[in-house]
PDB file of N, CA and C in Angstrom:
ATOM      1  N   MET A   1     -22.014  -0.159 -24.119  1.00  0.00           N
ATOM      2  CA  MET A   1     -21.561   1.050 -23.451  1.00  0.00           C
ATOM      3  C   MET A   1     -22.685   1.718 -22.705  1.00  0.00           C
ATOM      4  N   ASN A   2     -22.463   2.135 -21.483  1.00  0.00           N
ATOM      5  CA  ASN A   2     -23.429   2.738 -20.640  1.00  0.00           C
ATOM      6  C   ASN A   2     -23.387   4.240 -20.891  1.00  0.00           C
ATOM      7  N   ALA A   3     -24.504   4.802 -21.411  1.00  0.00           N
ATOM      8  CA  ALA A   3     -24.542   6.260 -21.730  1.00  0.00           C
ATOM      9  C   ALA A   3     -24.517   7.088 -20.484  1.00  0.00           C
ATOM     10  N   GLY A   4     -24.881   6.567 -19.315  1.00  0.00           N
ATOM     11  CA  GLY A   4     -24.877   7.301 -18.052  1.00  0.00           C
ATOM     12  C   GLY A   4     -23.554   7.364 -17.358  1.00  0.00           C
ATOM     13  N   VAL A   5     -22.466   6.783 -17.923  1.00  0.00           N
ATOM     14  CA  VAL A   5     -21.166   6.762 -17.260  1.00  0.00           C
ATOM     15  C   VAL A   5     -20.321   7.908 -17.828  1.00  0.00           C
ATOM     16  N   THR A   6     -19.705   8.633 -16.903  1.00  0.00           N
ATOM     17  CA  THR A   6     -18.767   9.717 -17.275  1.00  0.00           C
ATOM     18  C   THR A   6     -17.456   9.420 -16.594  1.00  0.00           C
ATOM     19  N   VAL A   7     -16.389   9.471 -17.375  1.00  0.00           N
ATOM     20  CA  VAL A   7     -15.062   9.276 -16.852  1.00  0.00           C
ATOM     21  C   VAL A   7     -14.299  10.585 -16.974  1.00  0.00           C
ATOM     22  N   SER A   8     -13.648  11.022 -15.939  1.00  0.00           N
ATOM     23  CA  SER A   8     -12.951  12.319 -15.946  1.00  0.00           C
ATOM     24  C   SER A   8     -11.468  12.110 -15.685  1.00  0.00           C
ATOM     25  N   PHE A   9     -10.677  12.981 -16.215  1.00  0.00           N
ATOM     26  CA  PHE A   9      -9.235  13.005 -15.974  1.00  0.00           C
ATOM     27  C   PHE A   9      -8.862  14.345 -15.484  1.00  0.00           C
ATOM     28  N   MET A  10      -8.040  14.419 -14.457  1.00  0.00           N
ATOM     29  CA  MET A  10      -7.668  15.711 -13.880  1.00  0.00           C
ATOM     30  C   MET A  10      -6.201  15.634 -13.348  1.00  0.00           C
ATOM     31  N   THR A  11      -5.485  16.689 -13.460  1.00  0.00           N
ATOM     32  CA  THR A  11      -4.133  16.777 -12.901  1.00  0.00           C
ATOM     33  C   THR A  11      -4.114  17.917 -11.890  1.00  0.00           C
ATOM     34  N   MET A  12      -3.505  17.667 -10.759  1.00  0.00           N
ATOM     35  CA  MET A  12      -3.410  18.661  -9.715  1.00  0.00           C
ATOM     36  C   MET A  12      -1.907  18.811  -9.293  1.00  0.00           C
ATOM     37  N   ILE A  13      -1.366  19.978  -9.441  1.00  0.00           N
ATOM     38  CA  ILE A  13       0.014  20.269  -9.050  1.00  0.00           C
ATOM     39  C   ILE A  13      -0.006  20.909  -7.656  1.00  0.00           C
ATOM     40  N   GLY A  14       0.625  20.239  -6.741  1.00  0.00           N
ATOM     41  CA  GLY A  14       0.696  20.744  -5.386  1.00  0.00           C
ATOM     42  C   GLY A  14      -0.527  20.409  -4.560  1.00  0.00           C
ATOM     43  N   LYS A  15      -0.469  20.826  -3.277  1.00  0.00           N
ATOM     44  CA  LYS A  15      -1.508  20.492  -2.324  1.00  0.00           C
ATOM     45  C   LYS A  15      -2.804  21.246  -2.604  1.00  0.00           C
ATOM     46  N   GLY A  16      -3.925  20.540  -2.416  1.00  0.00           N
ATOM     47  CA  GLY A  16      -5.193  21.208  -2.522  1.00  0.00           C
ATOM     48  C   GLY A  16      -6.306  20.240  -2.836  1.00  0.00           C
ATOM     49  N   VAL A  17      -7.524  20.749  -2.843  1.00  0.00           N
ATOM     50  CA  VAL A  17      -8.729  20.023  -3.169  1.00  0.00           C
ATOM     51  C   VAL A  17      -9.225  20.438  -4.559  1.00  0.00           C
ATOM     52  N   GLY A  18      -9.273  19.521  -5.458  1.00  0.00           N
ATOM     53  CA  GLY A  18      -9.691  19.866  -6.821  1.00  0.00           C
ATOM     54  C   GLY A  18     -11.214  19.914  -6.928  1.00  0.00           C
ATOM     55  N   ILE A  19     -11.867  18.835  -6.586  1.00  0.00           N
ATOM     56  CA  ILE A  19     -13.312  18.724  -6.700  1.00  0.00           C
ATOM     57  C   ILE A  19     -13.834  17.984  -5.444  1.00  0.00           C
ATOM     58  N   GLN A  20     -14.925  18.585  -4.868  1.00  0.00           N
ATOM     59  CA  GLN A  20     -15.584  17.990  -3.769  1.00  0.00           C
ATOM     60  C   GLN A  20     -16.859  17.316  -4.316  1.00  0.00           C
ATOM     61  N   THR A  21     -17.003  15.985  -4.035  1.00  0.00           N
ATOM     62  CA  THR A  21     -18.158  15.257  -4.524  1.00  0.00           C
ATOM     63  C   THR A  21     -18.909  14.680  -3.296  1.00  0.00           C
ATOM     64  N   PRO A  22     -20.129  14.207  -3.538  1.00  0.00           N
ATOM     65  CA  PRO A  22     -20.823  13.522  -2.366  1.00  0.00           C
ATOM     66  C   PRO A  22     -20.065  12.309  -1.889  1.00  0.00           C
ATOM     67  N   ASP A  23     -19.252  11.671  -2.748  1.00  0.00           N
ATOM     68  CA  ASP A  23     -18.513  10.513  -2.350  1.00  0.00           C
ATOM     69  C   ASP A  23     -17.177  10.757  -1.732  1.00  0.00           C
ATOM     70  N   GLY A  24     -16.749  12.110  -1.685  1.00  0.00           N
ATOM     71  CA  GLY A  24     -15.472  12.468  -1.152  1.00  0.00           C
ATOM     72  C   GLY A  24     -14.827  13.504  -2.047  1.00  0.00           C
ATOM     73  N   ALA A  25     -13.560  13.803  -1.774  1.00  0.00           N
ATOM     74  CA  ALA A  25     -12.903  14.793  -2.511  1.00  0.00           C
ATOM     75  C   ALA A  25     -11.786  14.257  -3.347  1.00  0.00           C
ATOM     76  N   LEU A  26     -11.477  14.914  -4.481  1.00  0.00           N
ATOM     77  CA  LEU A  26     -10.337  14.577  -5.281  1.00  0.00           C
ATOM     78  C   LEU A  26      -9.274  15.592  -4.835  1.00  0.00           C
ATOM     79  N   GLU A  27      -8.311  15.125  -4.089  1.00  0.00           N
ATOM     80  CA  GLU A  27      -7.343  16.076  -3.528  1.00  0.00           C
ATOM     81  C   GLU A  27      -5.946  15.485  -3.589  1.00  0.00           C
ATOM     82  N   ASN A  28      -5.018  16.513  -3.507  1.00  0.00           N
ATOM     83  CA  ASN A  28      -3.588  16.187  -3.432  1.00  0.00           C
ATOM     84  C   ASN A  28      -3.099  16.664  -2.055  1.00  0.00           C
ATOM     85  N   PRO A  29      -2.712  15.758  -1.165  1.00  0.00           N
ATOM     86  CA  PRO A  29      -2.269  16.206   0.177  1.00  0.00           C
ATOM     87  C   PRO A  29      -0.808  16.561   0.221  1.00  0.00           C
ATOM     88  N   PHE A  30      -0.130  16.521  -0.931  1.00  0.00           N
ATOM     89  CA  PHE A  30       1.334  16.762  -0.963  1.00  0.00           C
ATOM     90  C   PHE A  30       1.672  18.045  -1.758  1.00  0.00           C
ATOM     91  N   GLU A  31       2.352  18.964  -1.167  1.00  0.00           N
ATOM     92  CA  GLU A  31       2.804  20.166  -1.820  1.00  0.00           C
ATOM     93  C   GLU A  31       3.851  19.913  -2.868  1.00  0.00           C
ATOM     94  N   ASP A  32       4.646  18.907  -2.674  1.00  0.00           N
ATOM     95  CA  ASP A  32       5.806  18.590  -3.557  1.00  0.00           C
ATOM     96  C   ASP A  32       5.550  17.546  -4.604  1.00  0.00           C
ATOM     97  N   ASP A  33       4.259  17.254  -4.926  1.00  0.00           N
ATOM     98  CA  ASP A  33       4.012  16.211  -5.890  1.00  0.00           C
ATOM     99  C   ASP A  33       2.859  16.653  -6.775  1.00  0.00           C
ATOM    100  N   VAL A  34       2.750  15.892  -7.915  1.00  0.00           N
ATOM    101  CA  VAL A  34       1.672  16.099  -8.861  1.00  0.00           C
ATOM    102  C   VAL A  34       0.749  14.887  -8.752  1.00  0.00           C
ATOM    103  N   ALA A  35      -0.549  15.102  -8.643  1.00  0.00           N
ATOM    104  CA  ALA A  35      -1.562  14.070  -8.612  1.00  0.00           C
ATOM    105  C   ALA A  35      -2.300  13.943  -9.908  1.00  0.00           C
ATOM    106  N   TYR A  36      -2.391  12.762 -10.414  1.00  0.00           N
ATOM    107  CA  TYR A  36      -3.206  12.469 -11.634  1.00  0.00           C
ATOM    108  C   TYR A  36      -4.434  11.719 -11.181  1.00  0.00           C
ATOM    109  N   PHE A  37      -5.566  12.131 -11.663  1.00  0.00           N
ATOM    110  CA  PHE A  37      -6.811  11.471 -11.357  1.00  0.00           C
ATOM    111  C   PHE A  37      -7.459  10.918 -12.607  1.00  0.00           C
ATOM    112  N   TYR A  38      -7.921   9.688 -12.524  1.00  0.00           N
ATOM    113  CA  TYR A  38      -8.691   9.076 -13.535  1.00  0.00           C
ATOM    114  C   TYR A  38      -9.975   8.545 -12.888  1.00  0.00           C
ATOM    115  N   GLY A  39     -11.003   9.336 -12.939  1.00  0.00           N
ATOM    116  CA  GLY A  39     -12.165   9.057 -12.058  1.00  0.00           C
ATOM    117  C   GLY A  39     -11.764   9.297 -10.631  1.00  0.00           C
ATOM    118  N   ASN A  40     -12.060   8.346  -9.764  1.00  0.00           N
ATOM    119  CA  ASN A  40     -11.657   8.519  -8.368  1.00  0.00           C
ATOM    120  C   ASN A  40     -10.312   7.865  -8.076  1.00  0.00           C
ATOM    121  N   ILE A  41      -9.590   7.396  -9.098  1.00  0.00           N
ATOM    122  CA  ILE A  41      -8.282   6.774  -8.877  1.00  0.00           C
ATOM    123  C   ILE A  41      -7.207   7.847  -8.960  1.00  0.00           C
ATOM    124  N   ARG A  42      -6.337   7.837  -7.901  1.00  0.00           N
ATOM    125  CA  ARG A  42      -5.336   8.907  -7.812  1.00  0.00           C
ATOM    126  C   ARG A  42      -3.939   8.267  -7.925  1.00  0.00           C
ATOM    127  N   LEU A  43      -3.073   8.903  -8.737  1.00  0.00           N
ATOM    128  CA  LEU A  43      -1.670   8.422  -8.901  1.00  0.00           C
ATOM    129  C   LEU A  43      -0.802   9.661  -8.767  1.00  0.00           C
ATOM    130  N   PHE A  44       0.251   9.482  -7.902  1.00  0.00           N
ATOM    131  CA  PHE A  44       1.187  10.544  -7.696  1.00  0.00           C
ATOM    132  C   PHE A  44       2.396  10.373  -8.554  1.00  0.00           C
ATOM    133  N   HIS A  45       2.892  11.439  -9.060  1.00  0.00           N
ATOM    134  CA  HIS A  45       4.084  11.409  -9.983  1.00  0.00           C
ATOM    135  C   HIS A  45       5.321  10.892  -9.280  1.00  0.00           C
ATOM    136  N   LYS A  46       5.752  11.574  -8.232  1.00  0.00           N
ATOM    137  CA  LYS A  46       7.024  11.168  -7.568  1.00  0.00           C
ATOM    138  C   LYS A  46       6.819   9.969  -6.696  1.00  0.00           C
ATOM    139  N   ARG A  47       5.720   9.898  -5.953  1.00  0.00           N
ATOM    140  CA  ARG A  47       5.567   8.824  -4.951  1.00  0.00           C
ATOM    141  C   ARG A  47       5.162   7.502  -5.602  1.00  0.00           C
ATOM    142  N   HIS A  48       4.633   7.489  -6.852  1.00  0.00           N
ATOM    143  CA  HIS A  48       4.298   6.267  -7.495  1.00  0.00           C
ATOM    144  C   HIS A  48       5.069   6.049  -8.779  1.00  0.00           C
ATOM    145  N   ILE A  49       4.975   6.963  -9.727  1.00  0.00           N
ATOM    146  CA  ILE A  49       5.570   6.713 -11.032  1.00  0.00           C
ATOM    147  C   ILE A  49       7.086   6.695 -10.975  1.00  0.00           C
ATOM    148  N   VAL A  50       7.707   7.789 -10.427  1.00  0.00           N
ATOM    149  CA  VAL A  50       9.141   7.837 -10.344  1.00  0.00           C
ATOM    150  C   VAL A  50       9.689   6.720  -9.494  1.00  0.00           C
ATOM    151  N   ARG A  51       9.024   6.405  -8.388  1.00  0.00           N
ATOM    152  CA  ARG A  51       9.506   5.327  -7.496  1.00  0.00           C
ATOM    153  C   ARG A  51       9.452   3.951  -8.262  1.00  0.00           C
ATOM    154  N   ALA A  52       8.432   3.756  -8.990  1.00  0.00           N
ATOM    155  CA  ALA A  52       8.324   2.502  -9.708  1.00  0.00           C
ATOM    156  C   ALA A  52       9.401   2.350 -10.776  1.00  0.00           C
ATOM    157  N   VAL A  53       9.612   3.466 -11.521  1.00  0.00           N
ATOM    158  CA  VAL A  53      10.697   3.433 -12.584  1.00  0.00           C
ATOM    159  C   VAL A  53      12.059   3.233 -11.883  1.00  0.00           C
ATOM    160  N   THR A  54      12.308   3.861 -10.759  1.00  0.00           N
ATOM    161  CA  THR A  54      13.581   3.675 -10.059  1.00  0.00           C
ATOM    162  C   THR A  54      13.765   2.253  -9.581  1.00  0.00           C
ATOM    163  N   ILE A  55      12.774   1.670  -9.050  1.00  0.00           N
ATOM    164  CA  ILE A  55      12.810   0.217  -8.615  1.00  0.00           C
ATOM    165  C   ILE A  55      13.101  -0.672  -9.766  1.00  0.00           C
ATOM    166  N   VAL A  56      12.459  -0.444 -10.837  1.00  0.00           N
ATOM    167  CA  VAL A  56      12.641  -1.281 -12.065  1.00  0.00           C
ATOM    168  C   VAL A  56      14.091  -1.124 -12.565  1.00  0.00           C
ATOM    169  N   GLN A  57      14.577   0.105 -12.588  1.00  0.00           N
ATOM    170  CA  GLN A  57      15.999   0.342 -13.029  1.00  0.00           C
ATOM    171  C   GLN A  57      16.930  -0.435 -12.105  1.00  0.00           C
ATOM    172  N   GLU A  58      16.751  -0.317 -10.786  1.00  0.00           N
ATOM    173  CA  GLU A  58      17.672  -0.999  -9.876  1.00  0.00           C
ATOM    174  C   GLU A  58      17.619  -2.534 -10.137  1.00  0.00           C
ATOM    175  N   LYS A  59      16.469  -3.055 -10.300  1.00  0.00           N
ATOM    176  CA  LYS A  59      16.305  -4.509 -10.499  1.00  0.00           C
ATOM    177  C   LYS A  59      16.972  -4.920 -11.797  1.00  0.00           C
ATOM    178  N   LEU A  60      16.776  -4.178 -12.866  1.00  0.00           N
ATOM    179  CA  LEU A  60      17.430  -4.447 -14.191  1.00  0.00           C
ATOM    180  C   LEU A  60      18.941  -4.407 -14.079  1.00  0.00           C
ATOM    181  N   VAL A  61      19.491  -3.425 -13.344  1.00  0.00           N
ATOM    182  CA  VAL A  61      20.960  -3.391 -13.157  1.00  0.00           C
ATOM    183  C   VAL A  61      21.429  -4.584 -12.409  1.00  0.00           C
ATOM    184  N   GLU A  62      20.652  -5.016 -11.382  1.00  0.00           N
ATOM    185  CA  GLU A  62      21.004  -6.175 -10.572  1.00  0.00           C
ATOM    186  C   GLU A  62      20.968  -7.484 -11.436  1.00  0.00           C
ATOM    187  N   ILE A  63      19.918  -7.606 -12.223  1.00  0.00           N
ATOM    188  CA  ILE A  63      19.816  -8.807 -13.093  1.00  0.00           C
ATOM    189  C   ILE A  63      20.906  -8.804 -14.106  1.00  0.00           C
ATOM    190  N   ALA A  64      21.202  -7.679 -14.711  1.00  0.00           N
ATOM    191  CA  ALA A  64      22.324  -7.579 -15.719  1.00  0.00           C
ATOM    192  C   ALA A  64      23.647  -7.972 -15.060  1.00  0.00           C
ATOM    193  N   ALA A  65      23.876  -7.528 -13.829  1.00  0.00           N
ATOM    194  CA  ALA A  65      25.110  -7.836 -13.128  1.00  0.00           C
ATOM    195  C   ALA A  65      25.252  -9.322 -12.874  1.00  0.00           C
ATOM    196  N   ASN A  66      24.082  -9.959 -12.517  1.00  0.00           N
ATOM    197  CA  ASN A  66      24.100 -11.376 -12.281  1.00  0.00           C
ATOM    198  C   ASN A  66      24.515 -12.184 -13.493  1.00  0.00           C
ATOM    199  N   PHE A  67      24.187 -11.626 -14.704  1.00  0.00           N
ATOM    200  CA  PHE A  67      24.490 -12.332 -15.933  1.00  0.00           C
ATOM    201  C   PHE A  67      25.743 -11.774 -16.587  1.00  0.00           C
ATOM    202  N   GLY A  68      26.468 -10.854 -15.950  1.00  0.00           N
ATOM    203  CA  GLY A  68      27.682 -10.311 -16.502  1.00  0.00           C
ATOM    204  C   GLY A  68      27.426  -9.410 -17.696  1.00  0.00           C
ATOM    205  N   MET A  69      26.262  -8.715 -17.680  1.00  0.00           N
ATOM    206  CA  MET A  69      25.847  -7.936 -18.830  1.00  0.00           C
ATOM    207  C   MET A  69      25.693  -6.437 -18.475  1.00  0.00           C
ATOM    208  N   GLU A  70      26.415  -5.925 -17.503  1.00  0.00           N
ATOM    209  CA  GLU A  70      26.255  -4.499 -17.086  1.00  0.00           C
ATOM    210  C   GLU A  70      26.572  -3.550 -18.245  1.00  0.00           C
ATOM    211  N   ASP A  71      27.570  -3.950 -19.059  1.00  0.00           N
ATOM    212  CA  ASP A  71      28.040  -3.098 -20.144  1.00  0.00           C
ATOM    213  C   ASP A  71      26.989  -3.076 -21.311  1.00  0.00           C
ATOM    214  N   ARG A  72      26.047  -3.947 -21.293  1.00  0.00           N
ATOM    215  CA  ARG A  72      25.040  -4.019 -22.333  1.00  0.00           C
ATOM    216  C   ARG A  72      23.811  -3.213 -22.085  1.00  0.00           C
ATOM    217  N   LEU A  73      23.673  -2.613 -20.867  1.00  0.00           N
ATOM    218  CA  LEU A  73      22.528  -1.820 -20.574  1.00  0.00           C
ATOM    219  C   LEU A  73      22.582  -0.524 -21.361  1.00  0.00           C
ATOM    220  N   MET A  74      21.547  -0.235 -22.117  1.00  0.00           N
ATOM    221  CA  MET A  74      21.568   0.910 -23.030  1.00  0.00           C
ATOM    222  C   MET A  74      20.917   2.100 -22.329  1.00  0.00           C
ATOM    223  N   ILE A  75      20.107   1.882 -21.285  1.00  0.00           N
ATOM    224  CA  ILE A  75      19.377   2.992 -20.703  1.00  0.00           C
ATOM    225  C   ILE A  75      19.917   3.285 -19.306  1.00  0.00           C
ATOM    226  N   ARG A  76      20.246   4.564 -19.087  1.00  0.00           N
ATOM    227  CA  ARG A  76      20.645   4.980 -17.755  1.00  0.00           C
ATOM    228  C   ARG A  76      19.697   6.057 -17.319  1.00  0.00           C
ATOM    229  N   LEU A  77      18.808   5.732 -16.427  1.00  0.00           N
ATOM    230  CA  LEU A  77      17.782   6.609 -15.915  1.00  0.00           C
ATOM    231  C   LEU A  77      18.337   7.283 -14.652  1.00  0.00           C
ATOM    232  N   PRO A  78      17.952   8.549 -14.373  1.00  0.00           N
ATOM    233  CA  PRO A  78      18.342   9.174 -13.136  1.00  0.00           C
ATOM    234  C   PRO A  78      17.674   8.432 -11.952  1.00  0.00           C
ATOM    235  N   VAL A  79      18.388   8.363 -10.876  1.00  0.00           N
ATOM    236  CA  VAL A  79      17.845   7.731  -9.640  1.00  0.00           C
ATOM    237  C   VAL A  79      17.450   8.855  -8.696  1.00  0.00           C
ATOM    238  N   GLY A  80      16.263   8.696  -8.054  1.00  0.00           N
ATOM    239  CA  GLY A  80      15.728   9.683  -7.132  1.00  0.00           C
ATOM    240  C   GLY A  80      16.678   9.967  -5.943  1.00  0.00           C
ATOM    241  N   PRO A  81      16.326  10.756  -5.061  1.00  0.00           N
ATOM    242  CA  PRO A  81      15.055  11.379  -4.935  1.00  0.00           C
ATOM    243  C   PRO A  81      14.979  12.575  -5.916  1.00  0.00           C
ATOM    244  N   PHE A  82      13.649  12.857  -6.320  1.00  0.00           N
ATOM    245  CA  PHE A  82      13.439  13.950  -7.238  1.00  0.00           C
ATOM    246  C   PHE A  82      12.766  15.075  -6.567  1.00  0.00           C
TER     247      PHE A  82
END
């Protein structure tokens, strides 16, 4: 383990600049979304997480329908937009 390494986690709700660094800024350019930062990696709640869950749900429903198993799906997640 490198003692000189620091990992940070930050959440930003709405548009703004959280931290300005020499390498750039940790910012959220969207007023209607939440940005999660893990170091310099940014993940948006609606644009990434909700979208991915919605796509997976649609694909699972499609696969279940292809196998005649629609009635066996136990999870019904809300579909966007959120």
